[in-house]
Amino acid sequence: MGSEVWGRPMNERKPVGQQNQMEAAATRNKKSNSKPAKLGRDVQARLGQQLRAMYDEVVNQGVPDRFSELINRLNGDEKKDGH
Protein backbone atom coordinates (compact mmCIF):
# COMPACT_ATOMS: atom_id res chain seq x y z
CA MET A 1 0.00 0.00 0.00
CA GLY A 2 1.22 3.52 -0.81
CA SER A 3 1.38 6.47 1.53
CA GLU A 4 -1.65 8.69 1.73
CA VAL A 5 -2.01 12.34 2.62
CA TRP A 6 -5.46 13.72 3.33
CA GLY A 7 -7.08 10.63 1.92
CA ARG A 8 -5.24 10.80 -1.43
CA PRO A 9 -2.26 8.75 -2.54
CA MET A 10 0.92 10.88 -2.46
CA ASN A 11 1.62 10.25 -6.14
CA GLU A 12 -1.82 11.47 -7.23
CA ARG A 13 -1.75 14.86 -8.90
CA LYS A 14 -3.97 17.74 -7.85
CA PRO A 15 -6.78 18.58 -10.24
CA VAL A 16 -5.87 21.34 -12.69
CA GLY A 17 -6.54 24.76 -11.22
CA GLN A 18 -6.59 23.55 -7.62
CA GLN A 19 -3.99 25.27 -5.46
CA ASN A 20 -3.00 24.90 -1.86
CA GLN A 21 -3.46 27.87 0.47
CA MET A 22 0.13 29.12 0.15
CA GLU A 23 0.07 28.98 -3.66
CA ALA A 24 -3.26 30.81 -3.74
CA ALA A 25 -2.00 33.54 -1.38
CA ALA A 26 1.19 34.02 -3.41
CA THR A 27 -0.81 34.37 -6.62
CA ARG A 28 -3.26 36.75 -4.97
CA ASN A 29 -0.48 39.01 -3.65
CA LYS A 30 1.29 39.38 -7.01
CA LYS A 31 0.40 42.33 -9.16
CA SER A 32 0.67 41.63 -12.86
CA ASN A 33 2.09 45.05 -13.66
CA SER A 34 4.18 45.57 -10.53
CA LYS A 35 7.74 46.86 -10.98
CA PRO A 36 10.66 45.34 -9.10
CA ALA A 37 11.62 47.23 -5.96
CA LYS A 38 14.52 49.63 -6.46
CA LEU A 39 17.00 50.91 -3.93
CA GLY A 40 17.91 54.56 -3.78
CA ARG A 41 21.40 55.66 -4.76
CA ASP A 42 22.33 56.39 -1.16
CA VAL A 43 21.31 52.88 -0.07
CA GLN A 44 23.20 51.33 -3.00
CA ALA A 45 26.31 53.36 -2.13
CA ARG A 46 26.15 52.31 1.52
CA LEU A 47 25.70 48.64 0.57
CA GLY A 48 28.67 48.90 -1.77
CA GLN A 49 30.83 50.38 0.99
CA GLN A 50 29.85 47.67 3.43
CA LEU A 51 30.45 44.86 0.92
CA ARG A 52 33.86 46.27 -0.03
CA ALA A 53 34.79 46.54 3.64
CA MET A 54 33.76 42.91 4.25
CA TYR A 55 35.48 41.39 1.21
CA ASP A 56 38.50 43.69 0.85
CA GLU A 57 40.59 41.49 3.12
CA VAL A 58 39.69 38.37 1.16
CA VAL A 59 40.56 40.01 -2.16
CA ASN A 60 43.91 41.23 -0.83
CA GLN A 61 44.93 37.77 0.41
CA GLY A 62 45.97 36.71 -3.07
CA VAL A 63 46.09 33.22 -4.52
CA PRO A 64 47.47 30.47 -2.23
CA ASP A 65 50.74 28.89 -3.40
CA ARG A 66 49.15 25.48 -3.91
CA PHE A 67 46.64 26.98 -6.37
CA SER A 68 49.37 28.86 -8.23
CA GLU A 69 51.39 25.64 -8.51
CA LEU A 70 48.35 23.75 -9.78
CA ILE A 71 47.62 26.43 -12.39
CA ASN A 72 51.25 26.40 -13.53
CA ARG A 73 51.20 22.61 -13.84
CA LEU A 74 47.96 22.71 -15.84
CA ASN A 75 49.34 25.42 -18.12
CA GLY A 76 52.49 23.35 -18.62
CA ASP A 77 50.43 20.30 -19.60
CA GLU A 78 48.50 22.37 -22.17
CA LYS A 79 51.74 23.56 -23.79
CA LYS A 80 52.90 19.96 -24.14
CA ASP A 81 49.59 18.98 -25.80
CA GLY A 82 49.84 21.89 -28.21
CA HIS A 83 46.73 23.71 -26.93
PDB file of N, CA and C in Angstrom:
ATOM      1  N   MET A   1       0.833  -1.195   0.000  1.00  0.00           N
ATOM      2  CA  MET A   1       0.000   0.000   0.000  1.00  0.00           C
ATOM      3  C   MET A   1       0.869   1.246   0.000  1.00  0.00           C
ATOM      4  N   GLY A   2       0.468   2.284  -0.748  1.00  0.00           N
ATOM      5  CA  GLY A   2       1.224   3.525  -0.811  1.00  0.00           C
ATOM      6  C   GLY A   2       0.853   4.460   0.315  1.00  0.00           C
ATOM      7  N   SER A   3       1.648   5.470   0.504  1.00  0.00           N
ATOM      8  CA  SER A   3       1.377   6.474   1.528  1.00  0.00           C
ATOM      9  C   SER A   3       0.233   7.361   1.077  1.00  0.00           C
ATOM     10  N   GLU A   4      -0.540   7.794   2.044  1.00  0.00           N
ATOM     11  CA  GLU A   4      -1.652   8.685   1.733  1.00  0.00           C
ATOM     12  C   GLU A   4      -1.543   9.956   2.547  1.00  0.00           C
ATOM     13  N   VAL A   5      -1.940  11.063   1.937  1.00  0.00           N
ATOM     14  CA  VAL A   5      -2.005  12.344   2.618  1.00  0.00           C
ATOM     15  C   VAL A   5      -3.387  12.899   2.356  1.00  0.00           C
ATOM     16  N   TRP A   6      -4.106  13.195   3.405  1.00  0.00           N
ATOM     17  CA  TRP A   6      -5.463  13.721   3.333  1.00  0.00           C
ATOM     18  C   TRP A   6      -6.359  12.852   2.470  1.00  0.00           C
ATOM     19  N   GLY A   7      -6.201  11.554   2.605  1.00  0.00           N
ATOM     20  CA  GLY A   7      -7.079  10.630   1.916  1.00  0.00           C
ATOM     21  C   GLY A   7      -6.746  10.395   0.456  1.00  0.00           C
ATOM     22  N   ARG A   8      -5.648  10.985  -0.041  1.00  0.00           N
ATOM     23  CA  ARG A   8      -5.236  10.797  -1.430  1.00  0.00           C
ATOM     24  C   ARG A   8      -3.858  10.168  -1.462  1.00  0.00           C
ATOM     25  N   PRO A   9      -3.614   9.282  -2.399  1.00  0.00           N
ATOM     26  CA  PRO A   9      -2.257   8.751  -2.537  1.00  0.00           C
ATOM     27  C   PRO A   9      -1.287   9.892  -2.842  1.00  0.00           C
ATOM     28  N   MET A  10      -0.051   9.806  -2.293  1.00  0.00           N
ATOM     29  CA  MET A  10       0.917  10.884  -2.464  1.00  0.00           C
ATOM     30  C   MET A  10       1.308  11.101  -3.919  1.00  0.00           C
ATOM     31  N   ASN A  11       1.220  10.083  -4.740  1.00  0.00           N
ATOM     32  CA  ASN A  11       1.624  10.247  -6.135  1.00  0.00           C
ATOM     33  C   ASN A  11       0.492  10.738  -7.022  1.00  0.00           C
ATOM     34  N   GLU A  12      -0.689  10.958  -6.460  1.00  0.00           N
ATOM     35  CA  GLU A  12      -1.822  11.468  -7.233  1.00  0.00           C
ATOM     36  C   GLU A  12      -1.670  12.974  -7.411  1.00  0.00           C
ATOM     37  N   ARG A  13      -1.885  13.439  -8.622  1.00  0.00           N
ATOM     38  CA  ARG A  13      -1.753  14.863  -8.899  1.00  0.00           C
ATOM     39  C   ARG A  13      -3.020  15.614  -8.497  1.00  0.00           C
ATOM     40  N   LYS A  14      -2.825  16.891  -8.164  1.00  0.00           N
ATOM     41  CA  LYS A  14      -3.966  17.737  -7.853  1.00  0.00           C
ATOM     42  C   LYS A  14      -4.721  18.042  -9.136  1.00  0.00           C
ATOM     43  N   PRO A  15      -6.032  18.190  -9.051  1.00  0.00           N
ATOM     44  CA  PRO A  15      -6.784  18.580 -10.242  1.00  0.00           C
ATOM     45  C   PRO A  15      -6.279  19.924 -10.772  1.00  0.00           C
ATOM     46  N   VAL A  16      -6.335  20.100 -12.077  1.00  0.00           N
ATOM     47  CA  VAL A  16      -5.873  21.338 -12.689  1.00  0.00           C
ATOM     48  C   VAL A  16      -6.642  22.509 -12.099  1.00  0.00           C
ATOM     49  N   GLY A  17      -5.913  23.559 -11.766  1.00  0.00           N
ATOM     50  CA  GLY A  17      -6.542  24.755 -11.220  1.00  0.00           C
ATOM     51  C   GLY A  17      -6.699  24.741  -9.711  1.00  0.00           C
ATOM     52  N   GLN A  18      -6.472  23.618  -9.069  1.00  0.00           N
ATOM     53  CA  GLN A  18      -6.593  23.553  -7.616  1.00  0.00           C
ATOM     54  C   GLN A  18      -5.244  23.888  -6.999  1.00  0.00           C
ATOM     55  N   GLN A  19      -5.219  24.855  -6.093  1.00  0.00           N
ATOM     56  CA  GLN A  19      -3.986  25.272  -5.457  1.00  0.00           C
ATOM     57  C   GLN A  19      -4.106  25.087  -3.953  1.00  0.00           C
ATOM     58  N   ASN A  20      -2.943  24.923  -3.312  1.00  0.00           N
ATOM     59  CA  ASN A  20      -3.001  24.899  -1.861  1.00  0.00           C
ATOM     60  C   ASN A  20      -3.083  26.332  -1.357  1.00  0.00           C
ATOM     61  N   GLN A  21      -3.248  26.530  -0.074  1.00  0.00           N
ATOM     62  CA  GLN A  21      -3.461  27.872   0.469  1.00  0.00           C
ATOM     63  C   GLN A  21      -2.277  28.792   0.211  1.00  0.00           C
ATOM     64  N   MET A  22      -1.052  28.280   0.357  1.00  0.00           N
ATOM     65  CA  MET A  22       0.130  29.121   0.148  1.00  0.00           C
ATOM     66  C   MET A  22       0.256  29.552  -1.310  1.00  0.00           C
ATOM     67  N   GLU A  23      -0.004  28.634  -2.235  1.00  0.00           N
ATOM     68  CA  GLU A  23       0.065  28.981  -3.656  1.00  0.00           C
ATOM     69  C   GLU A  23      -0.984  30.028  -4.000  1.00  0.00           C
ATOM     70  N   ALA A  24      -2.181  29.865  -3.463  1.00  0.00           N
ATOM     71  CA  ALA A  24      -3.260  30.807  -3.741  1.00  0.00           C
ATOM     72  C   ALA A  24      -2.918  32.190  -3.185  1.00  0.00           C
ATOM     73  N   ALA A  25      -2.355  32.254  -1.982  1.00  0.00           N
ATOM     74  CA  ALA A  25      -1.995  33.536  -1.382  1.00  0.00           C
ATOM     75  C   ALA A  25      -0.888  34.212  -2.173  1.00  0.00           C
ATOM     76  N   ALA A  26       0.090  33.451  -2.635  1.00  0.00           N
ATOM     77  CA  ALA A  26       1.194  34.015  -3.412  1.00  0.00           C
ATOM     78  C   ALA A  26       0.675  34.596  -4.719  1.00  0.00           C
ATOM     79  N   THR A  27      -0.232  33.899  -5.358  1.00  0.00           N
ATOM     80  CA  THR A  27      -0.806  34.372  -6.615  1.00  0.00           C
ATOM     81  C   THR A  27      -1.641  35.621  -6.379  1.00  0.00           C
ATOM     82  N   ARG A  28      -2.385  35.630  -5.294  1.00  0.00           N
ATOM     83  CA  ARG A  28      -3.265  36.748  -4.969  1.00  0.00           C
ATOM     84  C   ARG A  28      -2.454  38.013  -4.674  1.00  0.00           C
ATOM     85  N   ASN A  29      -1.277  37.860  -4.051  1.00  0.00           N
ATOM     86  CA  ASN A  29      -0.476  39.011  -3.650  1.00  0.00           C
ATOM     87  C   ASN A  29       0.387  39.574  -4.766  1.00  0.00           C
ATOM     88  N   LYS A  30       0.496  38.886  -5.892  1.00  0.00           N
ATOM     89  CA  LYS A  30       1.292  39.380  -7.011  1.00  0.00           C
ATOM     90  C   LYS A  30       0.452  40.315  -7.859  1.00  0.00           C
ATOM     91  N   LYS A  31       1.060  41.422  -8.231  1.00  0.00           N
ATOM     92  CA  LYS A  31       0.397  42.334  -9.157  1.00  0.00           C
ATOM     93  C   LYS A  31       1.001  42.086 -10.524  1.00  0.00           C
ATOM     94  N   SER A  32       0.170  41.966 -11.526  1.00  0.00           N
ATOM     95  CA  SER A  32       0.667  41.629 -12.859  1.00  0.00           C
ATOM     96  C   SER A  32       1.543  42.720 -13.451  1.00  0.00           C
ATOM     97  N   ASN A  33       1.311  43.959 -13.082  1.00  0.00           N
ATOM     98  CA  ASN A  33       2.087  45.052 -13.662  1.00  0.00           C
ATOM     99  C   ASN A  33       3.031  45.684 -12.649  1.00  0.00           C
ATOM    100  N   SER A  34       3.326  44.988 -11.557  1.00  0.00           N
ATOM    101  CA  SER A  34       4.181  45.574 -10.531  1.00  0.00           C
ATOM    102  C   SER A  34       5.630  45.621 -10.994  1.00  0.00           C
ATOM    103  N   LYS A  35       6.338  46.686 -10.627  1.00  0.00           N
ATOM    104  CA  LYS A  35       7.735  46.860 -10.979  1.00  0.00           C
ATOM    105  C   LYS A  35       8.592  46.306  -9.846  1.00  0.00           C
ATOM    106  N   PRO A  36       9.789  45.825 -10.167  1.00  0.00           N
ATOM    107  CA  PRO A  36      10.661  45.343  -9.103  1.00  0.00           C
ATOM    108  C   PRO A  36      11.059  46.502  -8.188  1.00  0.00           C
ATOM    109  N   ALA A  37      11.244  46.202  -6.921  1.00  0.00           N
ATOM    110  CA  ALA A  37      11.622  47.229  -5.959  1.00  0.00           C
ATOM    111  C   ALA A  37      13.020  47.738  -6.301  1.00  0.00           C
ATOM    112  N   LYS A  38      13.232  49.028  -6.176  1.00  0.00           N
ATOM    113  CA  LYS A  38      14.524  49.628  -6.462  1.00  0.00           C
ATOM    114  C   LYS A  38      15.048  50.309  -5.204  1.00  0.00           C
ATOM    115  N   LEU A  39      16.359  50.247  -5.053  1.00  0.00           N
ATOM    116  CA  LEU A  39      17.001  50.912  -3.926  1.00  0.00           C
ATOM    117  C   LEU A  39      17.484  52.283  -4.378  1.00  0.00           C
ATOM    118  N   GLY A  40      17.405  53.239  -3.468  1.00  0.00           N
ATOM    119  CA  GLY A  40      17.911  54.563  -3.777  1.00  0.00           C
ATOM    120  C   GLY A  40      19.425  54.549  -3.913  1.00  0.00           C
ATOM    121  N   ARG A  41      19.957  55.584  -4.551  1.00  0.00           N
ATOM    122  CA  ARG A  41      21.404  55.658  -4.759  1.00  0.00           C
ATOM    123  C   ARG A  41      22.165  55.667  -3.441  1.00  0.00           C
ATOM    124  N   ASP A  42      21.633  56.340  -2.445  1.00  0.00           N
ATOM    125  CA  ASP A  42      22.327  56.390  -1.158  1.00  0.00           C
ATOM    126  C   ASP A  42      22.394  55.014  -0.508  1.00  0.00           C
ATOM    127  N   VAL A  43      21.326  54.238  -0.626  1.00  0.00           N
ATOM    128  CA  VAL A  43      21.306  52.881  -0.067  1.00  0.00           C
ATOM    129  C   VAL A  43      22.272  51.993  -0.852  1.00  0.00           C
ATOM    130  N   GLN A  44      22.272  52.114  -2.178  1.00  0.00           N
ATOM    131  CA  GLN A  44      23.198  51.334  -2.998  1.00  0.00           C
ATOM    132  C   GLN A  44      24.649  51.656  -2.644  1.00  0.00           C
ATOM    133  N   ALA A  45      24.943  52.941  -2.462  1.00  0.00           N
ATOM    134  CA  ALA A  45      26.311  53.358  -2.129  1.00  0.00           C
ATOM    135  C   ALA A  45      26.727  52.784  -0.779  1.00  0.00           C
ATOM    136  N   ARG A  46      25.829  52.830   0.178  1.00  0.00           N
ATOM    137  CA  ARG A  46      26.146  52.305   1.521  1.00  0.00           C
ATOM    138  C   ARG A  46      26.358  50.796   1.472  1.00  0.00           C
ATOM    139  N   LEU A  47      25.518  50.093   0.723  1.00  0.00           N
ATOM    140  CA  LEU A  47      25.695  48.640   0.569  1.00  0.00           C
ATOM    141  C   LEU A  47      27.044  48.330  -0.076  1.00  0.00           C
ATOM    142  N   GLY A  48      27.386  49.091  -1.100  1.00  0.00           N
ATOM    143  CA  GLY A  48      28.670  48.903  -1.766  1.00  0.00           C
ATOM    144  C   GLY A  48      29.832  49.099  -0.816  1.00  0.00           C
ATOM    145  N   GLN A  49      29.767  50.125   0.011  1.00  0.00           N
ATOM    146  CA  GLN A  49      30.828  50.383   0.989  1.00  0.00           C
ATOM    147  C   GLN A  49      30.954  49.226   1.977  1.00  0.00           C
ATOM    148  N   GLN A  50      29.831  48.755   2.451  1.00  0.00           N
ATOM    149  CA  GLN A  50      29.855  47.666   3.433  1.00  0.00           C
ATOM    150  C   GLN A  50      30.370  46.369   2.813  1.00  0.00           C
ATOM    151  N   LEU A  51      29.964  46.066   1.582  1.00  0.00           N
ATOM    152  CA  LEU A  51      30.452  44.857   0.919  1.00  0.00           C
ATOM    153  C   LEU A  51      31.953  44.937   0.651  1.00  0.00           C
ATOM    154  N   ARG A  52      32.413  46.113   0.193  1.00  0.00           N
ATOM    155  CA  ARG A  52      33.858  46.269  -0.032  1.00  0.00           C
ATOM    156  C   ARG A  52      34.627  46.105   1.269  1.00  0.00           C
ATOM    157  N   ALA A  53      34.114  46.667   2.355  1.00  0.00           N
ATOM    158  CA  ALA A  53      34.789  46.542   3.644  1.00  0.00           C
ATOM    159  C   ALA A  53      34.855  45.077   4.085  1.00  0.00           C
ATOM    160  N   MET A  54      33.798  44.320   3.841  1.00  0.00           N
ATOM    161  CA  MET A  54      33.761  42.912   4.250  1.00  0.00           C
ATOM    162  C   MET A  54      34.698  42.055   3.413  1.00  0.00           C
ATOM    163  N   TYR A  55      34.745  42.287   2.104  1.00  0.00           N
ATOM    164  CA  TYR A  55      35.477  41.394   1.206  1.00  0.00           C
ATOM    165  C   TYR A  55      36.854  41.905   0.809  1.00  0.00           C
ATOM    166  N   ASP A  56      37.212  43.121   1.208  1.00  0.00           N
ATOM    167  CA  ASP A  56      38.496  43.690   0.848  1.00  0.00           C
ATOM    168  C   ASP A  56      39.652  42.824   1.337  1.00  0.00           C
ATOM    169  N   GLU A  57      39.546  42.335   2.552  1.00  0.00           N
ATOM    170  CA  GLU A  57      40.595  41.491   3.125  1.00  0.00           C
ATOM    171  C   GLU A  57      40.754  40.201   2.325  1.00  0.00           C
ATOM    172  N   VAL A  58      39.646  39.618   1.930  1.00  0.00           N
ATOM    173  CA  VAL A  58      39.691  38.372   1.156  1.00  0.00           C
ATOM    174  C   VAL A  58      40.357  38.609  -0.192  1.00  0.00           C
ATOM    175  N   VAL A  59      40.003  39.700  -0.848  1.00  0.00           N
ATOM    176  CA  VAL A  59      40.560  40.008  -2.156  1.00  0.00           C
ATOM    177  C   VAL A  59      42.067  40.241  -2.052  1.00  0.00           C
ATOM    178  N   ASN A  60      42.502  40.895  -0.996  1.00  0.00           N
ATOM    179  CA  ASN A  60      43.915  41.232  -0.832  1.00  0.00           C
ATOM    180  C   ASN A  60      44.766  40.049  -0.380  1.00  0.00           C
ATOM    181  N   GLN A  61      44.162  38.935  -0.027  1.00  0.00           N
ATOM    182  CA  GLN A  61      44.930  37.771   0.410  1.00  0.00           C
ATOM    183  C   GLN A  61      45.717  37.147  -0.733  1.00  0.00           C
ATOM    184  N   GLY A  62      45.273  37.289  -1.936  1.00  0.00           N
ATOM    185  CA  GLY A  62      45.970  36.710  -3.071  1.00  0.00           C
ATOM    186  C   GLY A  62      45.643  35.236  -3.231  1.00  0.00           C
ATOM    187  N   VAL A  63      46.312  34.627  -4.197  1.00  0.00           N
ATOM    188  CA  VAL A  63      46.085  33.219  -4.518  1.00  0.00           C
ATOM    189  C   VAL A  63      47.063  32.365  -3.700  1.00  0.00           C
ATOM    190  N   PRO A  64      46.564  31.354  -2.997  1.00  0.00           N
ATOM    191  CA  PRO A  64      47.468  30.474  -2.234  1.00  0.00           C
ATOM    192  C   PRO A  64      48.473  29.789  -3.153  1.00  0.00           C
ATOM    193  N   ASP A  65      49.660  29.517  -2.615  1.00  0.00           N
ATOM    194  CA  ASP A  65      50.738  28.890  -3.396  1.00  0.00           C
ATOM    195  C   ASP A  65      50.300  27.597  -4.056  1.00  0.00           C
ATOM    196  N   ARG A  66      49.541  26.776  -3.332  1.00  0.00           N
ATOM    197  CA  ARG A  66      49.147  25.481  -3.909  1.00  0.00           C
ATOM    198  C   ARG A  66      48.281  25.656  -5.148  1.00  0.00           C
ATOM    199  N   PHE A  67      47.460  26.727  -5.187  1.00  0.00           N
ATOM    200  CA  PHE A  67      46.644  26.984  -6.371  1.00  0.00           C
ATOM    201  C   PHE A  67      47.516  27.497  -7.512  1.00  0.00           C
ATOM    202  N   SER A  68      48.461  28.362  -7.196  1.00  0.00           N
ATOM    203  CA  SER A  68      49.373  28.863  -8.226  1.00  0.00           C
ATOM    204  C   SER A  68      50.155  27.717  -8.841  1.00  0.00           C
ATOM    205  N   GLU A  69      50.644  26.799  -8.011  1.00  0.00           N
ATOM    206  CA  GLU A  69      51.386  25.645  -8.513  1.00  0.00           C
ATOM    207  C   GLU A  69      50.515  24.770  -9.405  1.00  0.00           C
ATOM    208  N   LEU A  70      49.274  24.551  -8.990  1.00  0.00           N
ATOM    209  CA  LEU A  70      48.352  23.748  -9.783  1.00  0.00           C
ATOM    210  C   LEU A  70      48.090  24.402 -11.141  1.00  0.00           C
ATOM    211  N   ILE A  71      47.867  25.708 -11.137  1.00  0.00           N
ATOM    212  CA  ILE A  71      47.618  26.426 -12.387  1.00  0.00           C
ATOM    213  C   ILE A  71      48.832  26.330 -13.299  1.00  0.00           C
ATOM    214  N   ASN A  72      50.022  26.500 -12.723  1.00  0.00           N
ATOM    215  CA  ASN A  72      51.247  26.400 -13.529  1.00  0.00           C
ATOM    216  C   ASN A  72      51.412  25.004 -14.115  1.00  0.00           C
ATOM    217  N   ARG A  73      51.103  23.983 -13.334  1.00  0.00           N
ATOM    218  CA  ARG A  73      51.202  22.609 -13.844  1.00  0.00           C
ATOM    219  C   ARG A  73      50.205  22.380 -14.970  1.00  0.00           C
ATOM    220  N   LEU A  74      48.976  22.871 -14.799  1.00  0.00           N
ATOM    221  CA  LEU A  74      47.964  22.709 -15.843  1.00  0.00           C
ATOM    222  C   LEU A  74      48.374  23.455 -17.103  1.00  0.00           C
ATOM    223  N   ASN A  75      48.882  24.654 -16.962  1.00  0.00           N
ATOM    224  CA  ASN A  75      49.335  25.420 -18.125  1.00  0.00           C
ATOM    225  C   ASN A  75      50.497  24.710 -18.812  1.00  0.00           C
ATOM    226  N   GLY A  76      51.375  24.090 -18.047  1.00  0.00           N
ATOM    227  CA  GLY A  76      52.493  23.345 -18.620  1.00  0.00           C
ATOM    228  C   GLY A  76      52.012  22.165 -19.403  1.00  0.00           C
ATOM    229  N   ASP A  77      50.991  21.451 -18.906  1.00  0.00           N
ATOM    230  CA  ASP A  77      50.433  20.301 -19.605  1.00  0.00           C
ATOM    231  C   ASP A  77      49.802  20.713 -20.914  1.00  0.00           C
ATOM    232  N   GLU A  78      49.143  21.885 -20.952  1.00  0.00           N
ATOM    233  CA  GLU A  78      48.496  22.368 -22.170  1.00  0.00           C
ATOM    234  C   GLU A  78      49.541  22.668 -23.231  1.00  0.00           C
ATOM    235  N   LYS A  79      50.683  23.227 -22.830  1.00  0.00           N
ATOM    236  CA  LYS A  79      51.743  23.558 -23.790  1.00  0.00           C
ATOM    237  C   LYS A  79      52.304  22.299 -24.419  1.00  0.00           C
ATOM    238  N   LYS A  80      52.398  21.225 -23.618  1.00  0.00           N
ATOM    239  CA  LYS A  80      52.899  19.960 -24.143  1.00  0.00           C
ATOM    240  C   LYS A  80      51.939  19.356 -25.156  1.00  0.00           C
ATOM    241  N   ASP A  81      50.619  19.536 -24.907  1.00  0.00           N
ATOM    242  CA  ASP A  81      49.593  18.980 -25.803  1.00  0.00           C
ATOM    243  C   ASP A  81      49.411  19.826 -27.058  1.00  0.00           C
ATOM    244  N   GLY A  82      49.991  21.017 -27.051  1.00  0.00           N
ATOM    245  CA  GLY A  82      49.845  21.890 -28.211  1.00  0.00           C
ATOM    246  C   GLY A  82      48.594  22.737 -28.189  1.00  0.00           C
ATOM    247  N   HIS A  83      47.942  22.868 -27.043  1.00  0.00           N
ATOM    248  CA  HIS A  83      46.734  23.706 -26.926  1.00  0.00           C
ATOM    249  C   HIS A  83      47.052  25.088 -26.478  1.00  0.00           C
TER     250      HIS A  83
END
